[in-house]
């Protein structure tokens, strides 16, 4: 950001300055200063996200692949054995954490999810053994990331058995 032209830095500064959050109902109105996040629905937010996330995507290498879509960041990692998967993933998570600290951004670890599965080649050698003997342990900033048997991503339900399916939302269901 320091290498950006002064015009852009000033624009972002004043865009995020003096913001308020108001909660109002029939009886009560509470107003508080807002010092975090970007205004939802703003046309500027995707550009700010791209500006910041591009710095994190620089960590792509042979061991890990980072990708982003909308306001989500995905990390794909591999290892020949569970311990190597843990090491590769945790090293990448540490780099991501340090970069976010440098950018003065926080990650909501409680919203993070993990999914671990064995390769198809391994499945062919040990039929029916889709899961690890123990779930891998992934941590960011000392906090564990929840590892599940499935997770929803971009409308698809991904699972550890690689039987992914489209998740169609009804008008009344939540994303």
Protein backbone atom coordinates (compact mmCIF):
# COMPACT_ATOMS: atom_id res chain seq x y z
CA UNK A 1 0.00 0.00 0.00
CA UNK A 2 2.91 2.35 0.72
CA UNK A 3 4.01 2.10 -2.92
CA UNK A 4 0.53 3.11 -4.14
CA UNK A 5 -0.03 6.65 -5.38
CA UNK A 6 -1.11 9.11 -2.68
CA UNK A 7 -4.46 9.60 -4.42
CA UNK A 8 -5.41 5.93 -3.88
CA UNK A 9 -4.17 5.85 -0.30
CA UNK A 10 -6.17 8.98 0.52
CA UNK A 11 -9.25 7.59 -1.22
CA UNK A 12 -9.15 4.37 0.84
CA UNK A 13 -8.37 6.24 4.05
CA UNK A 14 -11.33 8.60 3.72
CA UNK A 15 -13.57 5.81 2.43
CA UNK A 16 -13.06 3.94 5.71
CA UNK A 17 -13.01 7.01 8.00
CA UNK A 18 -15.79 8.01 10.43
CA UNK A 19 -18.06 5.03 9.85
CA UNK A 20 -20.91 4.19 12.21
CA UNK A 21 -22.99 1.09 12.87
CA UNK A 22 -26.57 1.72 13.92
CA UNK A 23 -28.86 -0.90 15.47
CA UNK A 24 -32.44 0.28 15.68
CA UNK A 25 -35.78 -1.22 16.66
CA UNK A 26 -39.13 0.16 17.88
CA UNK A 27 -37.73 0.99 21.33
CA UNK A 28 -33.99 1.48 21.09
CA UNK A 29 -31.35 2.96 18.81
CA UNK A 30 -27.66 2.28 19.42
CA UNK A 31 -24.89 3.91 17.40
CA UNK A 32 -21.23 2.85 17.59
CA UNK A 33 -18.07 3.79 15.71
CA UNK A 34 -16.91 1.13 13.26
CA UNK A 35 -13.16 0.60 12.85
CA UNK A 36 -13.08 -2.80 11.11
CA UNK A 37 -14.20 -4.27 7.83
CA UNK A 38 -15.47 -2.69 4.66
CA UNK A 39 -18.98 -1.42 4.00
CA UNK A 40 -21.02 -4.35 2.67
CA UNK A 41 -22.32 -4.07 -0.87
CA UNK A 42 -19.86 -1.38 -1.86
CA UNK A 43 -18.46 -1.44 -5.39
CA UNK A 44 -15.01 -0.66 -3.98
CA UNK A 45 -14.84 -3.73 -1.69
CA UNK A 46 -13.97 -6.31 -4.41
CA UNK A 47 -11.06 -4.15 -5.54
CA UNK A 48 -9.80 -3.73 -1.98
CA UNK A 49 -10.10 -7.50 -1.47
CA UNK A 50 -8.16 -8.19 -4.68
CA UNK A 51 -5.49 -5.69 -3.69
CA UNK A 52 -4.93 -7.38 -0.32
CA UNK A 53 -5.44 -11.01 -1.29
CA UNK A 54 -3.00 -10.75 -4.21
CA UNK A 55 -0.24 -10.37 -1.59
CA UNK A 56 -1.27 -13.67 0.01
CA UNK A 57 -1.57 -15.54 -3.30
CA UNK A 58 2.16 -14.97 -3.87
CA UNK A 59 2.80 -18.03 -1.64
CA UNK A 60 1.78 -20.52 -4.35
CA UNK A 61 4.50 -23.11 -4.88
CA UNK A 62 4.96 -26.84 -5.55
CA UNK A 63 3.67 -27.80 -2.09
CA UNK A 64 0.62 -25.55 -1.79
CA UNK A 65 -1.88 -23.80 -4.02
CA UNK A 66 -3.87 -20.77 -2.88
CA UNK A 67 -6.93 -19.53 -4.66
CA UNK A 68 -9.56 -16.93 -3.90
CA UNK A 69 -13.11 -16.37 -4.98
CA UNK A 70 -15.30 -13.47 -3.82
CA UNK A 71 -14.29 -13.05 -0.16
CA UNK A 72 -13.07 -16.63 0.38
CA UNK A 73 -9.51 -17.88 0.41
CA UNK A 74 -8.77 -21.54 -0.26
CA UNK A 75 -5.58 -23.44 0.47
CA UNK A 76 -4.87 -26.74 -1.25
CA UNK A 77 -1.99 -28.82 0.03
CA UNK A 78 -0.68 -32.34 -0.42
CA UNK A 79 1.66 -34.79 1.19
CA UNK A 80 2.66 -38.39 0.56
CA UNK A 81 1.80 -39.25 4.17
CA UNK A 82 -0.38 -37.56 6.79
CA UNK A 83 2.56 -35.97 8.62
CA UNK A 84 3.88 -34.40 5.41
CA UNK A 85 0.38 -33.05 4.66
CA UNK A 86 0.25 -31.50 8.14
CA UNK A 87 3.72 -29.97 7.79
CA UNK A 88 3.11 -28.51 4.32
CA UNK A 89 -0.29 -27.13 5.30
CA UNK A 90 0.80 -25.67 8.64
CA UNK A 91 3.85 -24.01 7.08
CA UNK A 92 1.59 -22.37 4.49
CA UNK A 93 -0.93 -21.34 7.17
CA UNK A 94 1.87 -19.71 9.16
CA UNK A 95 3.02 -17.73 6.10
CA UNK A 96 -0.58 -16.64 5.46
CA UNK A 97 -0.98 -15.58 9.10
CA UNK A 98 2.24 -13.55 9.06
CA UNK A 99 1.26 -11.82 5.81
CA UNK A 100 -2.19 -10.98 7.19
CA UNK A 101 -0.59 -9.52 10.33
CA UNK A 102 1.71 -7.44 8.12
CA UNK A 103 -1.35 -6.21 6.19
CA UNK A 104 -3.17 -5.52 9.47
CA UNK A 105 -5.90 -8.02 8.60
CA UNK A 106 -7.43 -10.68 10.82
CA UNK A 107 -8.62 -14.11 9.84
CA UNK A 108 -11.71 -15.55 11.49
CA UNK A 109 -10.28 -18.97 12.39
CA UNK A 110 -13.67 -20.04 13.74
CA UNK A 111 -15.04 -19.81 10.18
CA UNK A 112 -12.16 -21.82 8.69
CA UNK A 113 -12.79 -25.40 7.66
CA UNK A 114 -10.56 -28.19 6.49
CA UNK A 115 -11.15 -31.31 4.45
CA UNK A 116 -8.55 -34.06 4.13
CA UNK A 117 -8.70 -37.06 1.83
CA UNK A 118 -6.39 -39.72 0.51
CA UNK A 119 -5.37 -39.85 -3.13
CA UNK A 120 -7.13 -42.10 -5.62
CA UNK A 121 -3.90 -44.05 -6.13
CA UNK A 122 -3.82 -44.81 -2.41
CA UNK A 123 -7.49 -45.87 -2.57
CA UNK A 124 -6.69 -48.47 -5.19
CA UNK A 125 -4.06 -50.06 -2.95
CA UNK A 126 -6.21 -50.03 0.20
CA UNK A 127 -9.80 -50.31 -0.94
CA UNK A 128 -12.32 -48.73 1.36
CA UNK A 129 -9.77 -46.76 3.41
CA UNK A 130 -10.75 -43.20 2.55
CA UNK A 131 -9.88 -41.56 5.85
CA UNK A 132 -6.62 -41.07 7.69
CA UNK A 133 -5.87 -43.11 10.81
CA UNK A 134 -6.25 -39.78 12.62
CA UNK A 135 -7.45 -36.46 11.30
CA UNK A 136 -4.61 -34.12 10.41
CA UNK A 137 -4.11 -31.15 12.72
CA UNK A 138 -4.05 -27.80 10.96
CA UNK A 139 -3.45 -24.62 12.95
CA UNK A 140 -3.24 -20.94 12.23
CA UNK A 141 -1.97 -18.56 14.88
CA UNK A 142 -2.06 -21.41 17.40
CA UNK A 143 -5.77 -22.06 16.81
CA UNK A 144 -6.98 -25.38 15.39
CA UNK A 145 -8.96 -25.47 12.20
CA UNK A 146 -12.02 -27.70 12.23
CA UNK A 147 -11.52 -30.75 9.99
CA UNK A 148 -14.78 -32.29 8.83
CA UNK A 149 -15.89 -35.14 6.61
CA UNK A 150 -17.42 -32.63 4.19
CA UNK A 151 -17.70 -28.94 3.48
CA UNK A 152 -19.70 -26.73 1.19
CA UNK A 153 -17.75 -24.64 -1.31
CA UNK A 154 -19.19 -22.57 -4.17
CA UNK A 155 -22.42 -24.59 -4.21
CA UNK A 156 -20.72 -27.98 -4.11
CA UNK A 157 -20.67 -30.37 -1.21
CA UNK A 158 -17.12 -31.73 -1.08
CA UNK A 159 -16.45 -34.83 0.98
CA UNK A 160 -13.52 -36.99 2.05
CA UNK A 161 -14.72 -39.92 -0.13
CA UNK A 162 -14.49 -37.75 -3.27
CA UNK A 163 -18.21 -38.18 -4.06
CA UNK A 164 -18.80 -34.46 -4.51
CA UNK A 165 -22.26 -33.26 -5.40
CA UNK A 166 -23.96 -30.03 -6.32
CA UNK A 167 -25.80 -28.44 -3.43
CA UNK A 168 -28.93 -26.83 -4.82
CA UNK A 169 -30.39 -24.16 -2.58
CA UNK A 170 -34.14 -23.82 -2.23
CA UNK A 171 -35.52 -20.28 -1.93
CA UNK A 172 -35.87 -20.78 1.85
CA UNK A 173 -32.53 -22.42 2.66
CA UNK A 174 -29.47 -20.59 3.92
CA UNK A 175 -26.17 -20.65 2.00
